[in-house]
Protein backbone atom coordinates (compact mmCIF):
# COMPACT_ATOMS: atom_id res chain seq x y z
CA UNK A 1 -160.48 142.57 -68.05
CA UNK A 2 -158.24 143.74 -65.21
CA UNK A 3 -156.34 141.35 -62.96
CA UNK A 4 -155.99 142.85 -59.47
CA UNK A 5 -154.72 140.42 -56.81
CA UNK A 6 -154.64 141.13 -53.07
CA UNK A 7 -151.49 140.47 -51.07
CA UNK A 8 -152.25 139.48 -47.47
CA UNK A 9 -149.26 140.92 -45.63
CA UNK A 10 -149.29 138.99 -42.37
CA UNK A 11 -148.60 135.41 -41.35
CA UNK A 12 -149.12 135.99 -37.63
CA UNK A 13 -151.16 133.57 -35.54
CA UNK A 14 -154.72 134.79 -35.01
CA UNK A 15 -154.15 137.56 -37.55
CA UNK A 16 -157.06 139.93 -37.89
CA UNK A 17 -156.14 141.45 -41.25
CA UNK A 18 -157.39 138.32 -43.03
CA UNK A 19 -160.95 139.36 -42.12
CA UNK A 20 -160.46 142.69 -43.86
CA UNK A 21 -158.77 140.99 -46.84
CA UNK A 22 -161.83 138.74 -47.26
CA UNK A 23 -164.06 141.81 -47.16
CA UNK A 24 -162.05 143.70 -49.79
CA UNK A 25 -161.78 140.58 -51.97
CA UNK A 26 -165.55 140.05 -51.89
CA UNK A 27 -166.17 143.69 -52.90
CA UNK A 28 -163.56 143.54 -55.65
CA UNK A 29 -165.10 140.34 -57.02
CA UNK A 30 -168.33 142.31 -57.53
CA UNK A 31 -166.61 144.84 -59.80
CA UNK A 32 -167.34 144.18 -63.48
CA UNK A 33 -164.31 143.50 -65.64
CA UNK A 34 -162.08 142.46 -62.73
CA UNK A 35 -160.53 139.13 -61.80
CA UNK A 36 -158.86 138.82 -58.45
CA UNK A 37 -157.50 136.40 -55.89
CA UNK A 38 -155.81 136.39 -52.50
CA UNK A 39 -152.04 136.01 -52.51
CA UNK A 40 -151.69 134.96 -48.89
CA UNK A 41 -148.11 135.12 -47.64
CA UNK A 42 -148.97 132.46 -45.07
CA UNK A 43 -149.49 130.00 -47.93
CA UNK A 44 -146.34 131.07 -49.78
CA UNK A 45 -144.02 130.86 -46.75
CA UNK A 46 -140.99 132.46 -48.44
CA UNK A 47 -137.56 132.14 -46.80
CA UNK A 48 -135.55 135.27 -46.03
CA UNK A 49 -134.66 136.93 -49.34
CA UNK A 50 -131.11 136.26 -50.56
CA UNK A 51 -131.54 137.63 -54.08
CA UNK A 52 -134.30 139.08 -56.25
CA UNK A 53 -136.32 136.70 -58.39
CA UNK A 54 -135.05 138.07 -61.73
CA UNK A 55 -131.46 137.32 -60.67
CA UNK A 56 -132.05 133.73 -59.56
CA UNK A 57 -132.07 130.45 -61.41
CA UNK A 58 -133.09 128.60 -58.23
CA UNK A 59 -136.08 130.48 -56.78
CA UNK A 60 -137.71 129.23 -53.59
CA UNK A 61 -140.89 127.19 -54.08
CA UNK A 62 -143.78 129.25 -55.44
CA UNK A 63 -141.74 132.45 -55.76
CA UNK A 64 -141.90 132.33 -59.57
CA UNK A 65 -145.68 131.85 -59.37
CA UNK A 66 -145.99 134.85 -57.02
CA UNK A 67 -143.73 136.96 -59.24
CA UNK A 68 -145.66 136.00 -62.38
CA UNK A 69 -148.95 137.02 -60.76
CA UNK A 70 -147.65 140.41 -59.69
CA UNK A 71 -145.95 140.81 -63.07
CA UNK A 72 -149.17 140.28 -65.03
CA UNK A 73 -151.34 142.28 -62.61
CA UNK A 74 -152.80 145.55 -63.84
CA UNK A 75 -152.79 146.75 -60.26
CA UNK A 76 -152.62 145.10 -56.86
CA UNK A 77 -153.82 145.71 -53.35
CA UNK A 78 -151.88 145.13 -50.16
CA UNK A 79 -153.84 144.35 -46.99
CA UNK A 80 -151.57 144.59 -43.97
CA UNK A 81 -151.69 145.18 -40.25
CA UNK A 82 -149.58 147.76 -38.51
CA UNK A 83 -147.01 146.18 -36.19
CA UNK A 84 -145.00 148.49 -33.92
CA UNK A 85 -145.68 151.57 -36.07
CA UNK A 86 -144.62 149.77 -39.28
CA UNK A 87 -145.57 146.88 -41.49
CA UNK A 88 -144.70 143.20 -40.94
CA UNK A 89 -141.24 141.95 -41.86
CA UNK A 90 -142.78 139.06 -43.78
CA UNK A 91 -144.41 141.57 -46.13
CA UNK A 92 -141.16 143.48 -46.69
CA UNK A 93 -139.38 140.19 -47.35
CA UNK A 94 -141.94 139.15 -49.98
CA UNK A 95 -141.95 142.58 -51.63
CA UNK A 96 -138.14 142.67 -51.81
CA UNK A 97 -138.00 139.49 -53.89
CA UNK A 98 -139.50 141.41 -56.83
CA UNK A 99 -138.65 144.66 -58.58
CA UNK A 100 -139.40 144.87 -62.31
CA UNK A 101 -142.82 143.33 -61.62
CA UNK A 102 -143.91 146.55 -59.83
CA UNK A 103 -142.89 149.01 -62.53
CA UNK A 104 -145.63 151.56 -63.21
CA UNK A 105 -148.30 149.59 -61.39
CA UNK A 106 -150.89 151.27 -59.22
CA UNK A 107 -151.11 149.79 -55.74
CA UNK A 108 -153.94 150.23 -53.27
CA UNK A 109 -153.06 149.96 -49.60
CA UNK A 110 -155.38 148.72 -46.87
CA UNK A 111 -154.08 149.03 -43.32
CA UNK A 112 -155.43 147.39 -40.20
CA UNK A 113 -154.81 148.10 -36.53
CA UNK A 114 -156.05 146.89 -33.20
CA UNK A 115 -156.00 150.46 -31.89
CA UNK A 116 -157.67 153.64 -33.01
CA UNK A 117 -155.41 155.00 -35.73
CA UNK A 118 -155.99 152.44 -38.49
CA UNK A 119 -152.36 151.82 -39.38
CA UNK A 120 -151.45 155.34 -40.51
CA UNK A 121 -147.72 154.85 -39.79
CA UNK A 122 -147.71 151.60 -41.73
CA UNK A 123 -149.47 153.32 -44.64
CA UNK A 124 -146.90 156.12 -44.80
CA UNK A 125 -143.96 153.71 -44.76
CA UNK A 126 -145.47 151.34 -47.30
CA UNK A 127 -146.20 154.19 -49.72
CA UNK A 128 -142.53 155.18 -49.64
CA UNK A 129 -141.39 151.61 -50.24
CA UNK A 130 -143.77 151.16 -53.18
CA UNK A 131 -142.58 154.41 -54.76
CA UNK A 132 -138.99 153.26 -54.33
CA UNK A 133 -139.85 150.02 -56.12
CA UNK A 134 -141.38 151.82 -59.10
CA UNK A 135 -145.06 151.33 -58.25
CA UNK A 136 -147.66 154.07 -57.87
CA UNK A 137 -149.43 153.99 -54.49
CA UNK A 138 -152.82 155.55 -55.10
CA UNK A 139 -153.83 158.54 -52.95
CA UNK A 140 -156.95 156.83 -51.57
CA UNK A 141 -156.52 154.23 -48.86
CA UNK A 142 -158.70 152.08 -46.67
CA UNK A 143 -157.74 152.05 -43.01
CA UNK A 144 -159.43 149.92 -40.39
CA UNK A 145 -159.21 150.79 -36.70
CA UNK A 146 -160.10 148.44 -33.84
CA UNK A 147 -160.29 145.51 -36.23
CA UNK A 148 -161.34 143.07 -33.49
CA UNK A 149 -164.59 144.99 -33.07
CA UNK A 150 -164.97 146.31 -36.62
CA UNK A 151 -165.12 143.02 -38.56
CA UNK A 152 -166.57 139.54 -38.05
CA UNK A 153 -164.56 136.39 -38.74
CA UNK A 154 -166.26 135.94 -42.14
CA UNK A 155 -165.14 139.38 -43.27
CA UNK A 156 -168.39 141.27 -42.80
CA UNK A 157 -168.05 144.71 -41.27
CA UNK A 158 -169.95 145.65 -38.13
CA UNK A 159 -169.98 149.29 -39.23
CA UNK A 160 -171.80 149.96 -42.54
CA UNK A 161 -169.47 152.92 -43.17
CA UNK A 162 -166.83 150.41 -44.31
CA UNK A 163 -169.02 149.51 -47.30
CA UNK A 164 -168.97 153.10 -48.56
CA UNK A 165 -165.27 153.56 -47.77
CA UNK A 166 -164.40 150.33 -49.59
CA UNK A 167 -166.46 151.37 -52.61
CA UNK A 168 -164.60 154.71 -52.81
CA UNK A 169 -161.25 152.98 -52.38
CA UNK A 170 -161.96 150.38 -55.09
CA UNK A 171 -163.25 153.04 -57.50
CA UNK A 172 -159.86 154.74 -57.18
CA UNK A 173 -157.94 151.48 -57.63
CA UNK A 174 -159.90 150.83 -60.83
CA UNK A 175 -159.53 154.41 -62.06
CA UNK A 176 -155.75 154.24 -61.75
CA UNK A 177 -155.60 150.73 -63.24
CA UNK A 178 -157.58 151.91 -66.27
CA UNK A 179 -155.63 155.17 -66.66
CA UNK A 180 -152.27 153.44 -66.59
CA UNK A 181 -153.46 150.62 -68.86
CA UNK A 182 -154.63 153.24 -71.37
CA UNK A 183 -151.26 154.98 -71.24
CA UNK A 184 -149.38 151.70 -71.68
CA UNK A 185 -151.57 150.85 -74.68
CA UNK A 186 -150.82 154.24 -76.28
CA UNK A 187 -147.08 153.75 -75.76
CA UNK A 188 -147.25 150.26 -77.26
CA UNK A 189 -149.23 151.54 -80.25
CA UNK A 190 -146.79 154.40 -80.83
CA UNK A 191 -143.84 151.99 -80.69
CA UNK A 192 -145.44 150.08 -83.51
């Protein structure tokens, strides 16, 4: 059984990325052998990072819970909008609290934009950050353009092409989660 949570990377009022997060979560819940949940940064409400979790004896409320979930995850998915050609500061703040929890974990990235490019600049930046933190951003991504028109409030897409694109994206997330889990099991077995 794989545990693959989704980080919702925006706390903005009237955020549109939550619709896409609901869509991806619903599709991931249909995958056999997977447990998942939304890790919504709006609900965590972390203060500005002063020190990483593993170096603190006084973590902010719920930070240990968040860190434990990412730490035990086999993979995780980030769903984030693109703001001003980058990703939201609240997402960077939350990511910076952790470090060893990301080591050798595949991460799927879903980007959302109000315009027509689907968050491509955000995707490029977030891939670099995840690599720098020791995670493996998978090659496949899911980008959503014109999110206001593309998804309903309940997370259903108005364009059926998103179903196929999400299926391809989640197949890759699962492939990398399984491949890395197999490798980790071999290393553990060899270590005795």
